[in-house]
N, C-alpha and C. Protein backbone atom coordinates (compact mmCIF):
# COMPACT_ATOMS: atom_id res chain seq x y z
N PRO A 1 -17.88 -55.59 7.78
CA PRO A 1 -17.61 -56.82 7.16
C PRO A 1 -16.67 -56.66 5.70
N GLY A 2 -15.90 -57.33 5.67
CA GLY A 2 -15.04 -57.28 4.41
C GLY A 2 -13.68 -56.14 4.69
N TYR A 3 -14.05 -55.29 5.49
CA TYR A 3 -12.77 -54.44 5.61
C TYR A 3 -11.99 -54.48 7.13
N VAL A 4 -10.31 -54.04 6.48
CA VAL A 4 -9.27 -54.17 7.70
C VAL A 4 -9.34 -52.90 8.04
N GLY A 5 -9.02 -52.65 9.23
CA GLY A 5 -8.16 -51.51 9.52
C GLY A 5 -6.50 -51.13 9.72
N THR A 6 -5.91 -50.02 8.90
CA THR A 6 -4.52 -50.06 9.07
C THR A 6 -3.94 -49.90 9.89
N GLY A 7 -3.96 -49.17 10.69
CA GLY A 7 -3.27 -48.65 11.77
C GLY A 7 -4.73 -47.85 12.98
N ALA A 8 -4.16 -47.37 13.76
CA ALA A 8 -4.62 -46.57 14.93
C ALA A 8 -4.38 -45.12 14.45
N LEU A 9 -5.39 -44.22 14.80
CA LEU A 9 -5.39 -42.71 14.89
C LEU A 9 -4.57 -42.48 15.71
N MET A 10 -3.89 -41.09 15.37
CA MET A 10 -3.05 -40.33 16.65
C MET A 10 -3.52 -38.98 16.52
N CYS A 11 -3.27 -38.44 17.54
CA CYS A 11 -3.77 -36.96 18.28
C CYS A 11 -2.62 -36.28 18.31
N SER A 12 -2.34 -35.22 17.34
CA SER A 12 -1.71 -34.20 17.48
C SER A 12 -1.99 -32.92 17.95
N LEU A 13 -1.79 -31.99 18.97
CA LEU A 13 -2.20 -30.83 18.98
C LEU A 13 -3.63 -30.95 18.78
N GLY A 14 -4.53 -31.47 19.20
CA GLY A 14 -6.03 -31.46 18.61
C GLY A 14 -6.67 -31.65 17.38
N HIS A 15 -5.62 -32.05 16.73
CA HIS A 15 -6.00 -32.49 15.14
C HIS A 15 -6.04 -34.32 15.11
N TRP A 16 -6.81 -34.65 14.73
CA TRP A 16 -6.72 -36.39 14.41
C TRP A 16 -5.53 -36.22 13.13
N LEU A 17 -4.81 -37.25 13.53
CA LEU A 17 -3.76 -37.58 12.08
C LEU A 17 -4.21 -38.72 11.33
N THR A 18 -4.99 -38.86 10.36
CA THR A 18 -5.98 -40.27 10.08
C THR A 18 -5.20 -40.82 8.80
N ALA A 19 -3.93 -40.47 7.84
CA ALA A 19 -3.64 -40.96 7.03
C ALA A 19 -3.53 -42.80 7.15
N SER A 20 -2.50 -42.62 8.30
CA SER A 20 -2.62 -44.13 8.84
C SER A 20 -3.27 -44.97 9.04
N GLY A 21 -4.59 -44.16 9.36
CA GLY A 21 -5.55 -44.90 10.08
C GLY A 21 -6.90 -45.16 9.05
N LEU A 22 -6.87 -46.45 8.29
CA LEU A 22 -7.88 -46.13 6.86
C LEU A 22 -8.37 -47.84 7.25
N CYS A 23 -10.04 -47.56 6.94
CA CYS A 23 -10.48 -49.23 6.60
C CYS A 23 -10.39 -49.37 5.05
N VAL A 24 -9.82 -50.13 4.47
CA VAL A 24 -9.14 -51.08 3.42
C VAL A 24 -10.16 -52.41 3.11
N ARG A 25 -10.34 -53.04 1.90
CA ARG A 25 -11.12 -54.19 1.45
C ARG A 25 -10.22 -55.19 1.48
N ASP A 26 -10.00 -56.09 2.23
CA ASP A 26 -9.87 -57.41 2.73
C ASP A 26 -9.68 -58.24 1.52
N LYS A 27 -8.37 -58.31 0.81
CA LYS A 27 -8.52 -59.16 -0.62
C LYS A 27 -7.75 -60.50 -0.13
N SER A 28 -8.23 -61.31 0.24
CA SER A 28 -7.93 -62.33 0.34
C SER A 28 -6.63 -63.29 -0.70
N SER A 29 -7.61 -62.70 -1.90
CA SER A 29 -6.43 -63.38 -2.79
C SER A 29 -4.93 -62.58 -3.59
N GLU A 30 -4.52 -61.82 -2.55
CA GLU A 30 -3.72 -60.71 -2.84
C GLU A 30 -2.57 -61.29 -1.86
N LEU A 31 -3.10 -61.73 -0.38
CA LEU A 31 -2.31 -62.11 0.32
C LEU A 31 -0.72 -62.48 0.26
N ALA A 32 -0.59 -63.46 -0.16
CA ALA A 32 0.66 -64.03 -0.35
C ALA A 32 1.74 -63.05 -1.36
N ASP A 33 1.17 -62.42 -2.36
CA ASP A 33 2.29 -61.30 -2.92
C ASP A 33 1.89 -60.46 -2.38
N ALA A 34 1.36 -59.91 -1.09
CA ALA A 34 1.29 -58.78 -0.19
C ALA A 34 2.65 -58.96 0.70
N ARG A 35 2.40 -60.20 1.42
CA ARG A 35 3.63 -60.74 2.26
C ARG A 35 5.21 -60.16 1.93
N ASP A 36 5.42 -60.78 0.51
CA ASP A 36 6.72 -60.61 -0.47
C ASP A 36 6.77 -59.57 -0.81
N ARG A 37 5.76 -58.57 -0.89
CA ARG A 37 5.96 -56.90 -1.24
C ARG A 37 6.25 -56.25 0.03
N LEU A 38 5.73 -56.38 0.88
CA LEU A 38 5.92 -55.70 2.37
C LEU A 38 7.28 -56.20 2.70
N LEU A 39 7.85 -57.08 2.39
CA LEU A 39 9.10 -57.42 3.02
C LEU A 39 10.27 -56.59 2.01
N ALA A 40 9.69 -56.45 1.32
CA ALA A 40 10.41 -55.97 0.24
C ALA A 40 10.74 -54.66 0.30
N LEU A 41 9.19 -54.01 0.65
CA LEU A 41 9.65 -52.31 1.15
C LEU A 41 9.69 -51.92 2.41
N SER A 42 9.59 -52.83 3.36
CA SER A 42 9.93 -52.44 4.72
C SER A 42 11.50 -52.04 5.05
N ASP A 43 11.85 -51.18 5.39
CA ASP A 43 13.39 -51.15 6.26
C ASP A 43 13.49 -50.32 7.56
N PRO A 44 14.51 -50.10 8.03
CA PRO A 44 14.41 -49.48 9.53
C PRO A 44 13.97 -48.28 9.30
N GLY A 45 12.94 -47.62 10.32
CA GLY A 45 12.83 -46.48 10.23
C GLY A 45 11.41 -46.13 9.62
N THR A 46 11.05 -47.15 8.64
CA THR A 46 9.15 -46.91 8.69
C THR A 46 8.37 -47.48 9.99
N LEU A 47 7.03 -47.17 9.57
CA LEU A 47 6.18 -47.34 10.67
C LEU A 47 5.75 -48.89 10.16
N VAL A 48 6.20 -49.81 9.92
CA VAL A 48 5.81 -51.18 9.19
C VAL A 48 6.37 -52.07 10.68
N LYS A 49 5.32 -53.06 11.13
CA LYS A 49 5.71 -53.98 12.43
C LYS A 49 5.09 -54.92 11.52
N ILE A 50 5.78 -55.81 11.31
CA ILE A 50 5.39 -57.34 10.64
C ILE A 50 4.86 -58.00 11.71
N SER A 51 4.01 -58.77 10.88
CA SER A 51 3.22 -59.71 11.63
C SER A 51 2.60 -61.03 10.83
N GLN A 52 3.17 -62.27 11.13
CA GLN A 52 3.02 -63.56 10.22
C GLN A 52 1.68 -64.06 10.53
N ASN A 53 1.12 -63.90 11.68
CA ASN A 53 -0.08 -64.59 11.88
C ASN A 53 -1.52 -64.25 11.34
N THR A 54 -1.54 -63.50 10.91
CA THR A 54 -2.87 -63.13 10.27
C THR A 54 -3.00 -62.41 8.93
N ALA A 55 -4.03 -62.89 7.98
CA ALA A 55 -4.10 -62.23 6.54
C ALA A 55 -4.36 -60.67 6.79
N ALA A 56 -5.39 -60.64 7.55
CA ALA A 56 -5.50 -59.37 7.63
C ALA A 56 -4.49 -57.91 7.92
N SER A 57 -3.72 -58.64 9.02
CA SER A 57 -2.58 -58.02 9.13
C SER A 57 -1.72 -57.61 7.72
N ASP A 58 -1.50 -58.70 7.00
CA ASP A 58 -0.81 -58.65 5.54
C ASP A 58 -1.55 -57.75 5.13
N ALA A 59 -2.77 -57.27 4.54
CA ALA A 59 -3.02 -56.27 3.53
C ALA A 59 -2.90 -55.26 4.35
N SER A 60 -3.07 -55.03 5.69
CA SER A 60 -3.10 -53.37 6.40
C SER A 60 -1.41 -53.41 6.29
N LEU A 61 -0.68 -54.19 6.33
CA LEU A 61 0.87 -53.83 6.52
C LEU A 61 1.35 -53.28 5.26
N ARG A 62 0.79 -53.70 4.17
CA ARG A 62 1.16 -53.72 2.53
C ARG A 62 1.09 -52.64 2.50
N LEU A 63 -0.23 -51.66 2.76
CA LEU A 63 -0.84 -50.29 2.53
C LEU A 63 0.53 -49.13 3.57
N ARG A 64 0.64 -50.09 5.03
CA ARG A 64 1.27 -48.79 5.41
C ARG A 64 2.45 -48.71 5.22
N ALA A 65 3.11 -49.45 4.84
CA ALA A 65 4.70 -49.62 3.90
C ALA A 65 4.62 -48.57 2.66
N SER A 66 3.38 -48.60 1.75
CA SER A 66 3.45 -47.79 1.10
C SER A 66 3.65 -46.53 1.42
N LEU A 67 2.49 -46.18 2.66
CA LEU A 67 2.30 -44.67 3.26
C LEU A 67 3.99 -44.30 3.28
N ALA A 68 4.30 -45.39 4.67
CA ALA A 68 5.84 -44.81 5.07
C ALA A 68 6.81 -44.48 4.19
N ARG A 69 6.67 -44.81 2.63
CA ARG A 69 7.66 -44.60 1.83
C ARG A 69 7.50 -43.35 1.16
N ARG A 70 6.31 -42.68 1.54
CA ARG A 70 5.89 -41.58 0.28
C ARG A 70 6.50 -40.38 1.47
N PRO A 71 7.49 -39.44 0.66
CA PRO A 71 7.91 -38.49 1.50
C PRO A 71 7.64 -37.10 1.45
N CYS A 72 7.97 -35.94 2.18
CA CYS A 72 7.55 -34.80 1.98
C CYS A 72 8.19 -33.98 1.08
N ALA A 73 7.89 -33.73 -0.14
CA ALA A 73 9.23 -33.31 -1.00
C ALA A 73 9.55 -31.96 -0.69
N ALA A 74 8.41 -31.02 -0.68
CA ALA A 74 8.53 -30.04 -0.10
C ALA A 74 8.85 -29.45 1.41
N ALA A 75 9.67 -28.33 1.44
CA ALA A 75 9.23 -27.89 2.94
C ALA A 75 8.37 -27.05 3.16
N PRO A 76 7.61 -27.43 4.60
CA PRO A 76 6.69 -26.69 5.01
C PRO A 76 6.76 -25.13 4.24
N VAL A 77 5.51 -24.53 4.43
CA VAL A 77 5.73 -23.09 3.96
C VAL A 77 4.80 -22.71 5.53
N ILE A 78 5.75 -21.78 6.21
CA ILE A 78 5.13 -21.30 7.51
C ILE A 78 5.23 -19.74 7.43
N GLU A 79 4.30 -18.76 7.58
CA GLU A 79 4.69 -17.42 7.39
C GLU A 79 5.40 -16.73 8.42
N LYS A 80 6.34 -16.19 8.39
CA LYS A 80 7.43 -15.64 9.39
C LYS A 80 8.38 -16.66 10.40
N ALA A 81 8.16 -17.74 9.59
CA ALA A 81 9.01 -18.94 9.98
C ALA A 81 10.76 -18.60 9.49
N VAL A 82 11.62 -18.79 9.84
CA VAL A 82 13.12 -18.80 9.14
C VAL A 82 13.10 -19.97 8.50
N GLU A 83 14.55 -20.09 7.50
CA GLU A 83 14.45 -20.55 5.93
C GLU A 83 14.19 -22.30 6.96
N LEU A 84 13.14 -23.04 5.96
CA LEU A 84 12.73 -24.21 6.32
C LEU A 84 13.13 -25.42 5.38
N ALA A 85 14.20 -24.86 4.06
CA ALA A 85 14.65 -26.12 3.50
C ALA A 85 14.93 -27.32 3.69
N ALA A 86 15.63 -27.45 4.82
CA ALA A 86 16.43 -28.42 5.47
C ALA A 86 15.27 -29.63 5.66
N CYS A 87 14.26 -29.31 5.68
CA CYS A 87 13.07 -30.56 5.98
C CYS A 87 12.57 -30.64 4.81
N ALA A 88 12.74 -30.06 3.54
CA ALA A 88 12.36 -31.42 2.56
C ALA A 88 12.80 -32.07 2.27
N GLY A 89 11.96 -33.33 1.56
CA GLY A 89 12.44 -34.60 1.52
C GLY A 89 12.25 -35.36 2.74
N MET A 90 11.73 -34.92 3.82
CA MET A 90 11.80 -35.39 4.82
C MET A 90 10.99 -36.95 5.11
N ARG A 91 11.35 -38.35 5.70
CA ARG A 91 10.25 -39.56 5.37
C ARG A 91 8.69 -39.49 6.09
N THR A 92 8.16 -39.90 5.95
CA THR A 92 6.82 -40.26 7.13
C THR A 92 7.52 -40.33 8.43
N GLY A 93 6.78 -39.50 9.49
CA GLY A 93 7.15 -39.72 11.00
C GLY A 93 7.68 -38.38 11.14
N ASP A 94 9.04 -37.81 10.12
CA ASP A 94 9.82 -37.31 10.67
C ASP A 94 9.19 -35.81 10.81
N MET A 95 9.76 -34.72 12.33
CA MET A 95 9.64 -33.83 12.28
C MET A 95 10.74 -32.80 11.97
N CYS A 96 9.94 -31.79 11.53
CA CYS A 96 10.29 -30.55 11.16
C CYS A 96 10.20 -29.26 12.40
N LYS A 97 11.32 -29.12 12.71
CA LYS A 97 11.27 -28.15 14.23
C LYS A 97 11.07 -26.77 13.44
N ILE A 98 10.00 -25.63 14.02
CA ILE A 98 10.10 -24.54 13.33
C ILE A 98 10.53 -23.84 13.98
N ALA A 99 11.18 -22.47 13.57
CA ALA A 99 12.18 -21.30 14.58
C ALA A 99 11.21 -20.24 13.62
N CYS A 100 11.09 -19.08 14.71
CA CYS A 100 10.12 -18.24 14.35
C CYS A 100 11.43 -16.91 13.60
N GLN A 101 10.71 -15.96 13.41
CA GLN A 101 11.34 -14.72 13.36
C GLN A 101 11.55 -13.80 14.51
N PRO A 102 12.27 -13.08 14.73
CA PRO A 102 12.27 -12.58 15.93
C PRO A 102 11.59 -11.59 16.11
N GLY A 103 10.25 -11.61 17.68
CA GLY A 103 9.18 -11.09 17.86
C GLY A 103 7.91 -11.94 17.59
N TYR A 104 8.16 -13.31 17.13
CA TYR A 104 7.14 -14.29 16.38
C TYR A 104 7.51 -15.42 17.12
N ALA A 105 6.27 -16.55 17.57
CA ALA A 105 6.38 -17.44 18.53
C ALA A 105 5.86 -18.54 17.99
N LYS A 106 6.09 -19.92 18.22
CA LYS A 106 5.71 -21.24 16.92
C LYS A 106 4.28 -21.69 17.99
N THR A 107 3.47 -22.14 17.40
CA THR A 107 2.21 -22.78 18.06
C THR A 107 2.53 -24.26 17.62
N SER A 108 3.20 -24.87 17.05
CA SER A 108 3.81 -26.46 17.19
C SER A 108 4.57 -26.40 15.92
N ASP A 109 5.40 -27.88 16.26
CA ASP A 109 6.13 -27.99 14.81
C ASP A 109 5.47 -28.86 14.33
N VAL A 110 5.55 -29.19 12.96
CA VAL A 110 4.85 -30.22 11.92
C VAL A 110 5.45 -31.52 12.04
N TRP A 111 4.71 -32.62 11.19
CA TRP A 111 5.46 -33.59 10.73
C TRP A 111 4.91 -34.30 9.58
N CYS A 112 5.90 -34.85 8.92
CA CYS A 112 5.36 -35.08 7.40
C CYS A 112 4.50 -36.53 7.85
N LEU A 113 3.85 -36.90 7.42
CA LEU A 113 2.46 -37.85 7.04
C LEU A 113 2.25 -38.49 5.44
N ASP A 114 2.91 -39.29 5.16
CA ASP A 114 2.32 -39.31 3.52
C ASP A 114 2.16 -38.27 2.81
N GLY A 115 3.32 -37.49 2.90
CA GLY A 115 3.61 -36.32 1.63
C GLY A 115 3.16 -35.12 1.99
N ALA A 116 2.59 -34.86 3.53
CA ALA A 116 2.26 -33.97 3.68
C ALA A 116 2.00 -33.45 5.17
N TRP A 117 2.50 -32.07 5.27
CA TRP A 117 2.98 -31.58 6.01
C TRP A 117 1.68 -31.50 7.42
N LEU A 118 1.67 -32.01 8.82
CA LEU A 118 0.64 -31.90 9.43
C LEU A 118 0.91 -31.39 10.98
N PRO A 119 0.53 -30.60 11.87
CA PRO A 119 -0.70 -29.93 11.67
C PRO A 119 -0.80 -28.91 10.27
N SER A 120 -1.47 -28.36 9.80
CA SER A 120 -1.52 -27.51 9.31
C SER A 120 -2.05 -26.15 10.11
N TRP A 121 -2.08 -25.33 9.01
CA TRP A 121 -2.55 -23.42 9.42
C TRP A 121 -3.53 -23.57 10.00
N PRO A 122 -4.62 -23.26 11.11
CA PRO A 122 -3.88 -22.19 11.34
C PRO A 122 -3.33 -23.00 12.87
N ALA A 123 -3.13 -24.42 12.90
CA ALA A 123 -2.99 -24.94 14.51
C ALA A 123 -1.21 -25.09 14.44
N ALA A 124 -0.70 -24.84 13.14
CA ALA A 124 1.24 -24.58 13.18
C ALA A 124 1.56 -23.59 12.68
N ARG A 125 1.42 -22.01 13.35
CA ARG A 125 1.73 -21.19 12.71
C ARG A 125 3.01 -20.11 13.70
N CYS A 126 3.18 -19.45 12.96
CA CYS A 126 4.24 -18.01 13.78
C CYS A 126 3.60 -17.09 14.08
N GLU A 127 3.07 -16.99 15.38
CA GLU A 127 2.25 -15.37 15.77
C GLU A 127 3.15 -14.42 16.67
N PRO A 128 2.46 -13.02 16.51
CA PRO A 128 3.21 -12.23 17.32
C PRO A 128 3.30 -12.50 18.38
N VAL A 129 4.31 -12.49 19.45
CA VAL A 129 4.45 -12.56 20.85
C VAL A 129 4.35 -11.32 21.43
N PRO A 130 3.40 -11.79 22.43
CA PRO A 130 2.61 -10.48 23.22
C PRO A 130 3.40 -9.84 24.45
N CYS A 131 2.83 -8.59 24.78
CA CYS A 131 3.93 -7.96 25.85
C CYS A 131 3.05 -8.25 26.98
N GLN A 132 4.14 -8.11 28.11
CA GLN A 132 3.61 -8.39 29.71
C GLN A 132 3.87 -6.90 30.25
N ARG A 133 3.08 -6.82 31.31
CA ARG A 133 2.86 -6.01 32.33
C ARG A 133 4.52 -5.65 32.76
N GLN A 134 4.97 -6.66 33.41
CA GLN A 134 6.18 -6.61 34.11
C GLN A 134 7.61 -5.76 33.20
N ASP A 135 7.15 -5.87 32.08
CA ASP A 135 8.19 -5.28 31.18
C ASP A 135 7.85 -3.89 30.49
N LEU A 136 6.86 -3.50 31.10
CA LEU A 136 6.32 -1.78 30.66
C LEU A 136 7.14 -1.28 31.99
N TYR A 137 8.44 -0.42 31.45
CA TYR A 137 8.79 0.56 32.82
C TYR A 137 8.75 1.59 31.64
N VAL A 138 8.38 2.69 32.67
CA VAL A 138 8.73 4.26 32.39
C VAL A 138 8.46 4.85 33.64
N SER A 139 10.02 5.60 33.93
CA SER A 139 10.33 6.13 34.97
C SER A 139 8.96 7.27 35.69
N HIS A 140 8.81 7.03 37.01
CA HIS A 140 7.65 7.59 37.96
C HIS A 140 6.61 7.45 37.08
N SER A 141 5.99 6.35 36.86
CA SER A 141 4.79 5.93 35.91
C SER A 141 4.25 5.11 36.98
N GLN A 142 2.84 5.04 36.90
CA GLN A 142 1.99 3.78 37.30
C GLN A 142 1.17 3.20 36.61
N ILE A 143 1.80 2.20 36.36
CA ILE A 143 1.37 1.06 35.32
C ILE A 143 0.17 0.60 35.75
N PRO A 144 -1.07 0.48 35.38
CA PRO A 144 -2.15 -0.31 35.74
C PRO A 144 -2.33 -1.93 36.20
N GLU A 145 -2.91 -2.19 37.08
CA GLU A 145 -3.21 -3.44 37.22
C GLU A 145 -3.88 -3.98 36.40
N GLY A 146 -4.23 -5.77 36.22
CA GLY A 146 -5.34 -6.28 35.90
C GLY A 146 -4.46 -6.67 34.33
N LEU A 147 -5.56 -6.74 33.52
CA LEU A 147 -5.33 -7.69 32.14
C LEU A 147 -5.14 -6.25 30.88
N ALA A 148 -5.18 -5.09 31.07
CA ALA A 148 -5.31 -3.97 30.46
C ALA A 148 -3.94 -4.15 29.28
N CYS A 149 -3.06 -4.31 30.35
CA CYS A 149 -1.48 -4.13 29.88
C CYS A 149 -0.74 -5.32 29.79
N ASP A 150 -1.09 -6.30 30.18
CA ASP A 150 -0.62 -7.77 30.52
C ASP A 150 -0.95 -8.76 29.55
N ASN A 151 -0.13 -9.78 29.09
CA ASN A 151 -0.15 -10.69 28.08
C ASN A 151 -0.90 -9.87 26.80
N ALA A 152 -0.71 -8.68 26.73
CA ALA A 152 -1.36 -7.87 25.41
C ALA A 152 -0.64 -8.59 24.12
N PRO A 153 -1.97 -8.25 22.89
CA PRO A 153 -1.28 -8.87 21.90
C PRO A 153 -0.67 -7.51 21.20
N SER A 154 0.44 -8.00 19.93
CA SER A 154 0.66 -6.80 19.67
C SER A 154 0.09 -6.03 18.66
N GLY A 155 0.15 -4.50 19.06
CA GLY A 155 -0.57 -3.54 18.38
C GLY A 155 -1.66 -3.03 19.61
N THR A 156 -1.69 -3.35 20.69
CA THR A 156 -2.45 -3.22 22.00
C THR A 156 -1.81 -1.75 22.60
N VAL A 157 -2.77 -0.87 22.72
CA VAL A 157 -1.80 0.59 23.50
C VAL A 157 -2.46 0.19 25.13
N CYS A 158 -1.32 0.57 26.07
CA CYS A 158 -1.72 0.55 27.15
C CYS A 158 -1.49 1.70 27.98
N ARG A 159 -2.52 2.45 28.26
CA ARG A 159 -2.47 3.76 28.90
C ARG A 159 -2.28 3.81 30.25
N PHE A 160 -1.43 5.10 30.44
CA PHE A 160 -0.99 5.24 32.40
C PHE A 160 -0.92 5.95 32.45
N ASN A 161 -0.77 6.34 33.94
CA ASN A 161 -0.63 7.51 34.33
C ASN A 161 1.42 8.07 35.20
N CYS A 162 1.37 9.00 35.45
CA CYS A 162 2.43 9.35 36.33
C CYS A 162 2.22 9.58 37.87
N GLU A 163 3.35 8.99 38.13
CA GLU A 163 2.99 9.48 39.73
C GLU A 163 2.81 10.83 40.41
N ASP A 164 2.44 10.94 41.69
CA ASP A 164 2.15 12.39 41.95
C ASP A 164 3.48 13.48 42.14
N GLY A 165 3.10 14.77 41.33
CA GLY A 165 4.50 15.54 41.15
C GLY A 165 4.78 15.27 40.07
N TYR A 166 4.77 14.66 39.05
CA TYR A 166 5.00 14.21 37.37
C TYR A 166 3.58 14.72 36.82
N HIS A 167 4.03 14.69 35.82
CA HIS A 167 3.04 15.00 34.35
C HIS A 167 3.73 14.09 33.28
N CYS A 168 2.66 13.53 32.40
CA CYS A 168 3.19 13.16 31.24
C CYS A 168 3.43 14.07 30.17
N GLU A 169 4.49 13.84 29.33
CA GLU A 169 5.10 14.91 28.12
C GLU A 169 5.30 14.09 26.93
N ALA A 170 4.62 14.07 25.73
CA ALA A 170 4.95 13.41 24.95
C ALA A 170 6.23 13.85 24.12
N THR A 171 6.83 13.12 23.64
CA THR A 171 8.40 13.61 23.42
C THR A 171 8.49 14.02 21.74
N SER A 172 6.68 13.73 21.03
CA SER A 172 6.77 13.55 19.56
C SER A 172 5.34 13.60 19.17
N THR A 173 4.82 14.04 18.34
CA THR A 173 3.48 14.28 17.95
C THR A 173 3.39 13.41 16.83
N SER A 174 4.30 12.13 16.21
CA SER A 174 4.47 11.53 14.91
C SER A 174 3.02 10.83 15.14
N ALA A 175 2.61 10.30 16.34
CA ALA A 175 1.55 8.83 16.85
C ALA A 175 0.26 9.66 15.98
N PRO A 176 -0.28 8.53 15.69
CA PRO A 176 -1.81 8.70 14.93
C PRO A 176 -2.67 9.35 16.28
N ALA A 177 -3.85 9.79 15.77
CA ALA A 177 -4.69 10.47 16.79
C ALA A 177 -5.27 9.50 17.50
N TRP A 178 -5.43 8.21 16.94
CA TRP A 178 -6.26 6.84 18.08
C TRP A 178 -5.16 6.36 18.94
N LEU A 179 -3.70 6.79 18.81
CA LEU A 179 -2.61 6.47 19.87
C LEU A 179 -2.82 7.28 20.58
N GLN A 180 -2.97 8.70 20.53
CA GLN A 180 -2.50 9.40 21.30
C GLN A 180 -3.45 9.46 22.59
N PRO A 181 -2.96 9.41 24.28
CA PRO A 181 -3.69 9.78 25.16
C PRO A 181 -3.92 10.77 25.54
N PRO A 182 -5.40 10.43 26.57
CA PRO A 182 -5.86 11.75 26.82
C PRO A 182 -5.21 12.34 27.47
N ALA A 183 -5.10 13.77 27.41
CA ALA A 183 -4.61 14.94 28.21
C ALA A 183 -4.22 14.47 30.02
N GLY A 184 -2.94 14.20 30.04
CA GLY A 184 -2.38 14.18 31.30
C GLY A 184 -1.94 12.67 31.48
N SER A 185 -2.41 11.47 30.43
CA SER A 185 -1.87 10.20 30.62
C SER A 185 -0.98 9.95 29.74
N CYS A 186 -0.17 8.93 29.70
CA CYS A 186 0.91 8.59 28.49
C CYS A 186 0.39 7.07 28.22
N SER A 187 0.96 6.66 26.91
CA SER A 187 0.68 5.55 26.46
C SER A 187 1.77 4.79 26.02
N ALA A 188 1.92 3.42 25.77
CA ALA A 188 2.91 2.58 25.29
C ALA A 188 2.14 1.67 24.12
N VAL A 189 2.38 1.34 23.08
CA VAL A 189 2.29 0.55 22.06
C VAL A 189 2.96 -0.76 22.12
N CYS A 190 2.05 -2.09 22.15
CA CYS A 190 2.82 -3.25 22.08
C CYS A 190 3.23 -3.57 20.81
N SER A 191 4.33 -3.82 20.35
CA SER A 191 5.33 -4.21 19.17
C SER A 191 5.93 -5.61 19.05
N LEU A 192 5.39 -6.67 18.59
CA LEU A 192 6.12 -7.76 18.75
C LEU A 192 6.83 -8.38 20.07
N GLY A 193 6.21 -8.26 21.27
CA GLY A 193 6.66 -8.44 22.95
C GLY A 193 7.35 -7.31 23.49
N ARG A 194 7.40 -6.43 22.26
CA ARG A 194 8.46 -5.14 23.27
C ARG A 194 7.15 -4.05 23.12
N TRP A 195 7.63 -3.34 24.22
CA TRP A 195 6.48 -1.73 24.55
C TRP A 195 7.77 -0.79 24.32
N ASN A 196 6.81 -0.17 23.07
CA ASN A 196 7.25 1.25 22.44
C ASN A 196 6.87 2.56 23.55
N THR A 197 7.68 2.79 24.29
CA THR A 197 7.58 3.92 25.24
C THR A 197 7.90 5.25 24.49
N SER A 198 8.57 5.50 23.35
CA SER A 198 9.35 6.36 22.66
C SER A 198 8.58 7.77 22.92
N GLU A 199 7.17 7.48 22.97
CA GLU A 199 6.08 8.90 22.50
C GLU A 199 5.46 9.83 23.97
N ALA A 200 6.39 9.07 25.07
CA ALA A 200 5.75 9.71 25.93
C ALA A 200 6.84 9.48 27.54
N VAL A 201 6.59 10.46 28.50
CA VAL A 201 7.88 10.86 29.67
C VAL A 201 7.21 11.04 30.57
N CYS A 202 7.21 11.17 31.59
CA CYS A 202 6.87 11.45 32.98
C CYS A 202 7.95 12.66 33.12
N ARG A 203 7.73 13.65 33.33
CA ARG A 203 8.66 14.74 33.75
C ARG A 203 7.78 15.67 35.08
N PRO A 204 8.98 16.08 36.26
CA PRO A 204 7.94 16.67 37.43
C PRO A 204 7.46 17.58 36.93
N LYS A 205 6.27 18.16 37.53
CA LYS A 205 5.63 18.90 37.53
C LYS A 205 5.66 20.64 37.75
N PRO A 206 6.11 21.99 36.68
CA PRO A 206 6.50 22.32 37.12
C PRO A 206 5.50 23.76 38.01
N CYS A 207 6.20 24.36 39.05
CA CYS A 207 5.31 25.35 40.08
C CYS A 207 4.56 26.53 39.09
N GLY A 208 3.28 26.50 39.81
CA GLY A 208 2.54 27.67 39.06
C GLY A 208 2.73 28.64 39.68
N SER A 209 1.88 30.06 39.60
CA SER A 209 2.76 31.25 40.18
C SER A 209 3.34 31.30 41.11
N LYS A 210 3.96 32.89 41.43
CA LYS A 210 5.11 32.80 42.36
C LYS A 210 3.81 32.71 43.79
N PRO A 211 4.26 31.78 44.97
CA PRO A 211 3.49 32.14 46.26
C PRO A 211 3.13 33.60 46.59
């Protein structure tokens, strides 16, 4: 009792945006002034909805009008995103569309709410693109089925064998020891959505001694 709600809460990607949903004290002595100031503050594009029926709505809308007038002065800071300077100065309720650098994918866009960008990290970020099994191709290879090489996070090593009559031959020895596959098998490394297969190739097996 004695308090009024300023508005409903908004769910955004698993997070409640609470800046516009507050409980504030009902100050009936300020109601007349609240209506005049609300009408002066409100303009098209704000989150304000005028109600002339109840005293509670006047106090609530006055606060919401004040919030709606507070912009996000600085652009959001998201690692591995492309330039976001165009989002600086956006008003409450405006959305800043995130575009990530090659090899990264966004988890969410962000919205300006009362001078802050929501949702914040880690809900909104640019994360490395995983590698898919169907994108891994090495001539005369046998790529394993299942999850070992599918939807693999960046940095994952997928080990595979060659078809009968072929053997795996490393094209260089620059890979660290932990990346080198066991004798007779090949490996590919996921790097930002792409398989790096430069370290191995399947070649025909040579014949042994003369029959």
